């Protein structure tokens, strides 16, 4: 468990954070051992995959493991929700006994990508019969996001939306700017405006400059 099992090479689209895919819609994935074999640096390699981040169970003092599909999601969510140990299966098929047996003693909360809830729930039910303690979260499944969306995608979407809002700066009128300057030495001006419902020369509401 303390040894490096494999090196997975993934390509991501800078703007969206999603995996880069070829014309056939397949993610461009490579492995370090595959490159070494092609370069004839090594001859044989016994691939024995494990959960991404598995080494963290010996380094982080936490009782609950949060399990997601994508490695990127595990990394991003570990910053957003550090109270959990965030691990990744690497694929939807990676949610299986062989990969999870080393974390059987932990409470596990599984967060499948949108559209994968039913499969993961069915598998979790089978694993719980074997002594696991797995809860499958259905939050993403109940949203309007497209299939394949994960928590990292949601974080990036919210970040982009927040940046769009920042771009729309409030433009104040000359009257509002003058009153803002006047307020610095006569703050009572706003009591007068609110009491009498004063407006500017164009009958527009006078707003405070933020």
C-alpha atoms as a PDB file:
ATOM      1  CA  UNK A   1       0.000   0.000   0.000  1.00  0.00           C
ATOM      2  CA  UNK A   2       2.995   2.312   0.474  1.00  0.00           C
ATOM      3  CA  UNK A   3       4.449   1.506  -2.953  1.00  0.00           C
ATOM      4  CA  UNK A   4       3.686   3.328  -6.192  1.00  0.00           C
ATOM      5  CA  UNK A   5       1.257   1.128  -8.118  1.00  0.00           C
ATOM      6  CA  UNK A   6       1.134   3.010 -11.409  1.00  0.00           C
ATOM      7  CA  UNK A   7       1.360   6.411 -13.061  1.00  0.00           C
ATOM      8  CA  UNK A   8      -1.723   7.566 -14.968  1.00  0.00           C
ATOM      9  CA  UNK A   9      -1.381  10.432 -17.443  1.00  0.00           C
ATOM     10  CA  UNK A  10      -4.507  12.510 -18.135  1.00  0.00           C
ATOM     11  CA  UNK A  11      -5.095  15.549 -20.329  1.00  0.00           C
ATOM     12  CA  UNK A  12      -7.589  18.242 -19.355  1.00  0.00           C
ATOM     13  CA  UNK A  13      -9.186  21.148 -21.201  1.00  0.00           C
ATOM     14  CA  UNK A  14      -7.933  24.335 -19.544  1.00  0.00           C
ATOM     15  CA  UNK A  15     -11.184  26.317 -19.724  1.00  0.00           C
ATOM     16  CA  UNK A  16     -13.615  23.606 -18.616  1.00  0.00           C
ATOM     17  CA  UNK A  17     -11.471  21.322 -16.472  1.00  0.00           C
ATOM     18  CA  UNK A  18     -12.939  18.307 -18.285  1.00  0.00           C
ATOM     19  CA  UNK A  19     -10.854  15.510 -19.756  1.00  0.00           C
ATOM     20  CA  UNK A  20      -9.586  16.109 -23.267  1.00  0.00           C
ATOM     21  CA  UNK A  21     -11.199  13.665 -25.714  1.00  0.00           C
ATOM     22  CA  UNK A  22     -10.389  12.628 -29.251  1.00  0.00           C
ATOM     23  CA  UNK A  23     -12.778  12.715 -32.224  1.00  0.00           C
ATOM     24  CA  UNK A  24     -14.306   9.405 -31.103  1.00  0.00           C
ATOM     25  CA  UNK A  25     -15.208  10.899 -27.724  1.00  0.00           C
ATOM     26  CA  UNK A  26     -12.627   8.852 -25.822  1.00  0.00           C
ATOM     27  CA  UNK A  27     -10.460  10.403 -23.116  1.00  0.00           C
ATOM     28  CA  UNK A  28      -6.776  10.603 -23.949  1.00  0.00           C
ATOM     29  CA  UNK A  29      -5.200   8.496 -21.209  1.00  0.00           C
ATOM     30  CA  UNK A  30      -1.741   7.000 -21.056  1.00  0.00           C
ATOM     31  CA  UNK A  31       0.291   5.164 -18.434  1.00  0.00           C
ATOM     32  CA  UNK A  32       3.896   5.660 -17.370  1.00  0.00           C
ATOM     33  CA  UNK A  33       4.618   1.946 -17.653  1.00  0.00           C
ATOM     34  CA  UNK A  34       3.200   1.917 -21.202  1.00  0.00           C
ATOM     35  CA  UNK A  35       5.530   4.730 -22.222  1.00  0.00           C
ATOM     36  CA  UNK A  36       8.490   2.964 -20.622  1.00  0.00           C
ATOM     37  CA  UNK A  37       7.624  -0.231 -22.477  1.00  0.00           C
ATOM     38  CA  UNK A  38       7.311   1.602 -25.792  1.00  0.00           C
ATOM     39  CA  UNK A  39      10.688   3.198 -25.156  1.00  0.00           C
ATOM     40  CA  UNK A  40      12.040  -0.252 -24.251  1.00  0.00           C
ATOM     41  CA  UNK A  41      13.112   1.072 -20.849  1.00  0.00           C
ATOM     42  CA  UNK A  42      11.319  -1.851 -19.233  1.00  0.00           C
ATOM     43  CA  UNK A  43      10.175  -5.170 -20.657  1.00  0.00           C
ATOM     44  CA  UNK A  44       7.423  -6.297 -18.322  1.00  0.00           C
ATOM     45  CA  UNK A  45       5.114  -4.595 -15.872  1.00  0.00           C
ATOM     46  CA  UNK A  46       2.465  -6.124 -13.617  1.00  0.00           C
ATOM     47  CA  UNK A  47      -0.255  -3.477 -13.373  1.00  0.00           C
ATOM     48  CA  UNK A  48      -1.947  -3.659  -9.975  1.00  0.00           C
ATOM     49  CA  UNK A  49      -4.263  -0.674  -9.686  1.00  0.00           C
ATOM     50  CA  UNK A  50      -5.523   0.801  -6.434  1.00  0.00           C
ATOM     51  CA  UNK A  51      -7.661   3.747  -5.411  1.00  0.00           C
ATOM     52  CA  UNK A  52      -6.174   7.122  -6.255  1.00  0.00           C
ATOM     53  CA  UNK A  53      -4.960   8.680  -3.001  1.00  0.00           C
ATOM     54  CA  UNK A  54      -4.960   5.405  -1.058  1.00  0.00           C
ATOM     55  CA  UNK A  55      -1.733   6.365   0.732  1.00  0.00           C
ATOM     56  CA  UNK A  56      -3.637   9.159   2.500  1.00  0.00           C
ATOM     57  CA  UNK A  57      -5.395   6.757   4.871  1.00  0.00           C
ATOM     58  CA  UNK A  58      -2.091   6.446   6.749  1.00  0.00           C
ATOM     59  CA  UNK A  59      -1.390  10.177   6.676  1.00  0.00           C
ATOM     60  CA  UNK A  60      -4.714  11.844   7.496  1.00  0.00           C
ATOM     61  CA  UNK A  61      -6.538  11.380  10.789  1.00  0.00           C
ATOM     62  CA  UNK A  62     -10.102  11.041   9.546  1.00  0.00           C
ATOM     63  CA  UNK A  63     -12.763   8.397  10.038  1.00  0.00           C
ATOM     64  CA  UNK A  64     -14.747   8.990   6.860  1.00  0.00           C
ATOM     65  CA  UNK A  65     -13.667   8.425   3.273  1.00  0.00           C
ATOM     66  CA  UNK A  66     -15.320  10.310   0.420  1.00  0.00           C
ATOM     67  CA  UNK A  67     -15.117   8.287  -2.768  1.00  0.00           C
ATOM     68  CA  UNK A  68     -15.473   9.790  -6.240  1.00  0.00           C
ATOM     69  CA  UNK A  69     -14.731   8.618  -9.760  1.00  0.00           C
ATOM     70  CA  UNK A  70     -12.292  11.226 -11.074  1.00  0.00           C
ATOM     71  CA  UNK A  71      -8.811  11.895  -9.738  1.00  0.00           C
ATOM     72  CA  UNK A  72      -9.227  15.620 -10.429  1.00  0.00           C
ATOM     73  CA  UNK A  73     -12.391  15.651  -8.341  1.00  0.00           C
ATOM     74  CA  UNK A  74     -10.651  14.020  -5.378  1.00  0.00           C
ATOM     75  CA  UNK A  75      -7.899  16.646  -5.460  1.00  0.00           C
ATOM     76  CA  UNK A  76     -10.251  19.623  -5.724  1.00  0.00           C
ATOM     77  CA  UNK A  77     -12.699  18.367  -3.112  1.00  0.00           C
ATOM     78  CA  UNK A  78      -9.880  17.703  -0.626  1.00  0.00           C
ATOM     79  CA  UNK A  79      -9.387  21.478  -0.571  1.00  0.00           C
ATOM     80  CA  UNK A  80     -13.101  22.298  -0.433  1.00  0.00           C
ATOM     81  CA  UNK A  81     -14.021  19.622   2.164  1.00  0.00           C
ATOM     82  CA  UNK A  82     -10.808  18.662   4.024  1.00  0.00           C
ATOM     83  CA  UNK A  83     -12.688  16.874   6.815  1.00  0.00           C
ATOM     84  CA  UNK A  84     -12.878  13.783   4.572  1.00  0.00           C
ATOM     85  CA  UNK A  85     -10.215  11.597   2.984  1.00  0.00           C
ATOM     86  CA  UNK A  86     -10.933  12.015  -0.727  1.00  0.00           C
ATOM     87  CA  UNK A  87     -10.115   8.996  -2.881  1.00  0.00           C
ATOM     88  CA  UNK A  88     -10.972   8.205  -6.500  1.00  0.00           C
ATOM     89  CA  UNK A  89     -11.779   4.977  -8.324  1.00  0.00           C
ATOM     90  CA  UNK A  90     -10.362   6.285 -11.620  1.00  0.00           C
ATOM     91  CA  UNK A  91     -13.393   5.011 -13.540  1.00  0.00           C
ATOM     92  CA  UNK A  92     -16.997   4.037 -12.868  1.00  0.00           C
ATOM     93  CA  UNK A  93     -15.963   0.376 -13.099  1.00  0.00           C
ATOM     94  CA  UNK A  94     -13.378   0.994 -10.366  1.00  0.00           C
ATOM     95  CA  UNK A  95     -16.097   0.983  -7.716  1.00  0.00           C
ATOM     96  CA  UNK A  96     -15.615  -2.682  -6.797  1.00  0.00           C
ATOM     97  CA  UNK A  97     -14.498  -4.986  -4.007  1.00  0.00           C
ATOM     98  CA  UNK A  98     -10.933  -5.428  -5.261  1.00  0.00           C
ATOM     99  CA  UNK A  99     -10.293  -1.690  -4.988  1.00  0.00           C
ATOM    100  CA  UNK A 100     -12.278  -1.032  -1.828  1.00  0.00           C
ATOM    101  CA  UNK A 101     -11.180  -3.945   0.356  1.00  0.00           C
ATOM    102  CA  UNK A 102      -8.315  -1.951   1.909  1.00  0.00           C
ATOM    103  CA  UNK A 103     -10.735   0.718   3.208  1.00  0.00           C
ATOM    104  CA  UNK A 104     -13.393  -1.673   4.482  1.00  0.00           C
ATOM    105  CA  UNK A 105     -12.938  -0.507   8.074  1.00  0.00           C
ATOM    106  CA  UNK A 106     -13.834   3.089   7.197  1.00  0.00           C
ATOM    107  CA  UNK A 107     -17.191   4.766   6.827  1.00  0.00           C
ATOM    108  CA  UNK A 108     -17.467   5.481   3.098  1.00  0.00           C
ATOM    109  CA  UNK A 109     -19.599   8.107   1.377  1.00  0.00           C
ATOM    110  CA  UNK A 110     -19.675   7.530  -2.376  1.00  0.00           C
ATOM    111  CA  UNK A 111     -20.329  10.464  -4.711  1.00  0.00           C
ATOM    112  CA  UNK A 112     -20.954   9.021  -8.196  1.00  0.00           C
ATOM    113  CA  UNK A 113     -20.988  11.164 -11.321  1.00  0.00           C
ATOM    114  CA  UNK A 114     -24.382  12.245 -12.617  1.00  0.00           C
ATOM    115  CA  UNK A 115     -26.012   9.230 -14.262  1.00  0.00           C
ATOM    116  CA  UNK A 116     -24.030   6.603 -12.330  1.00  0.00           C
ATOM    117  CA  UNK A 117     -26.045   6.621  -9.108  1.00  0.00           C
ATOM    118  CA  UNK A 118     -28.073   3.471  -9.758  1.00  0.00           C
ATOM    119  CA  UNK A 119     -25.003   1.391 -10.627  1.00  0.00           C
ATOM    120  CA  UNK A 120     -23.044   2.570  -7.603  1.00  0.00           C
ATOM    121  CA  UNK A 121     -26.025   2.152  -5.285  1.00  0.00           C
ATOM    122  CA  UNK A 122     -26.512  -1.433  -6.460  1.00  0.00           C
ATOM    123  CA  UNK A 123     -22.818  -2.207  -5.980  1.00  0.00           C
ATOM    124  CA  UNK A 124     -22.759  -0.535  -2.563  1.00  0.00           C
ATOM    125  CA  UNK A 125     -25.695  -2.680  -1.459  1.00  0.00           C
ATOM    126  CA  UNK A 126     -23.748  -5.806  -2.419  1.00  0.00           C
ATOM    127  CA  UNK A 127     -20.612  -4.582  -0.634  1.00  0.00           C
ATOM    128  CA  UNK A 128     -22.510  -3.662   2.527  1.00  0.00           C
ATOM    129  CA  UNK A 129     -23.651  -7.279   2.797  1.00  0.00           C
ATOM    130  CA  UNK A 130     -19.938  -8.170   2.958  1.00  0.00           C
ATOM    131  CA  UNK A 131     -19.382  -5.847   5.907  1.00  0.00           C
ATOM    132  CA  UNK A 132     -18.735  -2.489   4.277  1.00  0.00           C
ATOM    133  CA  UNK A 133     -20.330   0.738   5.530  1.00  0.00           C
ATOM    134  CA  UNK A 134     -21.109   2.628   2.321  1.00  0.00           C
ATOM    135  CA  UNK A 135     -23.623   5.402   1.762  1.00  0.00           C
ATOM    136  CA  UNK A 136     -24.203   6.563  -1.820  1.00  0.00           C
ATOM    137  CA  UNK A 137     -24.984  10.263  -2.073  1.00  0.00           C
ATOM    138  CA  UNK A 138     -27.688  11.161  -4.626  1.00  0.00           C
ATOM    139  CA  UNK A 139     -27.332  14.961  -4.649  1.00  0.00           C
ATOM    140  CA  UNK A 140     -25.896  15.158  -8.175  1.00  0.00           C
ATOM    141  CA  UNK A 141     -28.444  12.677  -9.493  1.00  0.00           C
ATOM    142  CA  UNK A 142     -31.255  15.004  -8.425  1.00  0.00           C
ATOM    143  CA  UNK A 143     -29.859  18.064 -10.201  1.00  0.00           C
ATOM    144  CA  UNK A 144     -30.355  19.292 -13.759  1.00  0.00           C
ATOM    145  CA  UNK A 145     -26.684  18.938 -14.667  1.00  0.00           C
ATOM    146  CA  UNK A 146     -25.852  16.833 -17.718  1.00  0.00           C
ATOM    147  CA  UNK A 147     -24.812  13.193 -17.406  1.00  0.00           C
ATOM    148  CA  UNK A 148     -21.182  12.775 -16.461  1.00  0.00           C
ATOM    149  CA  UNK A 149     -21.040  15.898 -14.296  1.00  0.00           C
ATOM    150  CA  UNK A 150     -19.085  15.503 -11.057  1.00  0.00           C
ATOM    151  CA  UNK A 151     -18.472  17.729  -8.027  1.00  0.00           C
ATOM    152  CA  UNK A 152     -15.342  19.247  -9.566  1.00  0.00           C
ATOM    153  CA  UNK A 153     -17.415  20.309 -12.583  1.00  0.00           C
ATOM    154  CA  UNK A 154     -19.961  21.932 -10.260  1.00  0.00           C
ATOM    155  CA  UNK A 155     -17.223  23.884  -8.469  1.00  0.00           C
ATOM    156  CA  UNK A 156     -15.808  25.104 -11.792  1.00  0.00           C
ATOM    157  CA  UNK A 157     -19.273  26.064 -13.072  1.00  0.00           C
ATOM    158  CA  UNK A 158     -19.980  28.078  -9.909  1.00  0.00           C
ATOM    159  CA  UNK A 159     -16.568  29.752 -10.151  1.00  0.00           C
ATOM    160  CA  UNK A 160     -17.189  30.764 -13.766  1.00  0.00           C
ATOM    161  CA  UNK A 161     -20.646  32.092 -12.924  1.00  0.00           C
ATOM    162  CA  UNK A 162     -19.210  34.152 -10.056  1.00  0.00           C
ATOM    163  CA  UNK A 163     -16.598  35.636 -12.392  1.00  0.00           C
ATOM    164  CA  UNK A 164     -19.311  36.571 -14.905  1.00  0.00           C
ATOM    165  CA  UNK A 165     -21.238  38.421 -12.196  1.00  0.00           C
ATOM    166  CA  UNK A 166     -18.110  40.379 -11.228  1.00  0.00           C
ATOM    167  CA  UNK A 167     -17.785  41.615 -14.810  1.00  0.00           C
ATOM    168  CA  UNK A 168     -21.103  43.449 -14.563  1.00  0.00           C
ATOM    169  CA  UNK A 169     -20.000  46.503 -12.590  1.00  0.00           C
ATOM    170  CA  UNK A 170     -22.643  48.859 -11.247  1.00  0.00           C
ATOM    171  CA  UNK A 171     -22.638  52.220 -13.005  1.00  0.00           C
ATOM    172  CA  UNK A 172     -23.759  55.040 -10.722  1.00  0.00           C
ATOM    173  CA  UNK A 173     -25.340  58.303 -11.843  1.00  0.00           C
ATOM    174  CA  UNK A 174     -23.739  61.708 -11.330  1.00  0.00           C
ATOM    175  CA  UNK A 175     -26.304  62.423  -8.612  1.00  0.00           C
ATOM    176  CA  UNK A 176     -25.411  59.248  -6.745  1.00  0.00           C
ATOM    177  CA  UNK A 177     -21.684  59.999  -6.936  1.00  0.00           C
ATOM    178  CA  UNK A 178     -22.224  63.561  -5.670  1.00  0.00           C
ATOM    179  CA  UNK A 179     -24.346  62.347  -2.751  1.00  0.00           C
ATOM    180  CA  UNK A 180     -21.724  59.732  -1.931  1.00  0.00           C
ATOM    181  CA  UNK A 181     -19.119  62.510  -1.582  1.00  0.00           C
ATOM    182  CA  UNK A 182     -21.566  64.652   0.384  1.00  0.00           C
ATOM    183  CA  UNK A 183     -22.240  61.744   2.758  1.00  0.00           C
ATOM    184  CA  UNK A 184     -18.624  61.703   3.982  1.00  0.00           C
ATOM    185  CA  UNK A 185     -19.206  64.882   6.022  1.00  0.00           C
ATOM    186  CA  UNK A 186     -23.021  64.819   6.262  1.00  0.00           C
ATOM    187  CA  UNK A 187     -24.178  61.188   6.755  1.00  0.00           C
ATOM    188  CA  UNK A 188     -27.663  62.430   7.696  1.00  0.00           C
ATOM    189  CA  UNK A 189     -28.315  63.002   4.004  1.00  0.00           C
ATOM    190  CA  UNK A 190     -29.609  59.440   3.665  1.00  0.00           C
ATOM    191  CA  UNK A 191     -32.229  59.967   6.377  1.00  0.00           C
ATOM    192  CA  UNK A 192     -33.527  62.878   4.342  1.00  0.00           C
ATOM    193  CA  UNK A 193     -33.580  60.871   1.096  1.00  0.00           C
ATOM    194  CA  UNK A 194     -35.356  57.896   2.696  1.00  0.00           C
ATOM    195  CA  UNK A 195     -37.841  60.002   4.690  1.00  0.00           C
ATOM    196  CA  UNK A 196     -39.067  62.021   1.725  1.00  0.00           C
ATOM    197  CA  UNK A 197     -38.461  59.400  -0.962  1.00  0.00           C
ATOM    198  CA  UNK A 198     -36.223  61.734  -2.918  1.00  0.00           C
ATOM    199  CA  UNK A 199     -35.226  60.817  -6.477  1.00  0.00           C
ATOM    200  CA  UNK A 200     -32.844  62.288  -9.039  1.00  0.00           C
ATOM    201  CA  UNK A 201     -33.794  64.678 -11.841  1.00  0.00           C
ATOM    202  CA  UNK A 202     -34.837  61.741 -14.024  1.00  0.00           C
ATOM    203  CA  UNK A 203     -37.114  60.315 -11.321  1.00  0.00           C
ATOM    204  CA  UNK A 204     -34.749  57.421 -10.673  1.00  0.00           C
ATOM    205  CA  UNK A 205     -34.161  55.955  -7.233  1.00  0.00           C
ATOM    206  CA  UNK A 206     -30.960  57.194  -5.607  1.00  0.00           C
ATOM    207  CA  UNK A 207     -28.697  54.283  -4.648  1.00  0.00           C
ATOM    208  CA  UNK A 208     -25.867  54.175  -2.152  1.00  0.00           C
ATOM    209  CA  UNK A 209     -22.455  53.777  -3.746  1.00  0.00           C
ATOM    210  CA  UNK A 210     -20.979  50.460  -2.602  1.00  0.00           C
END
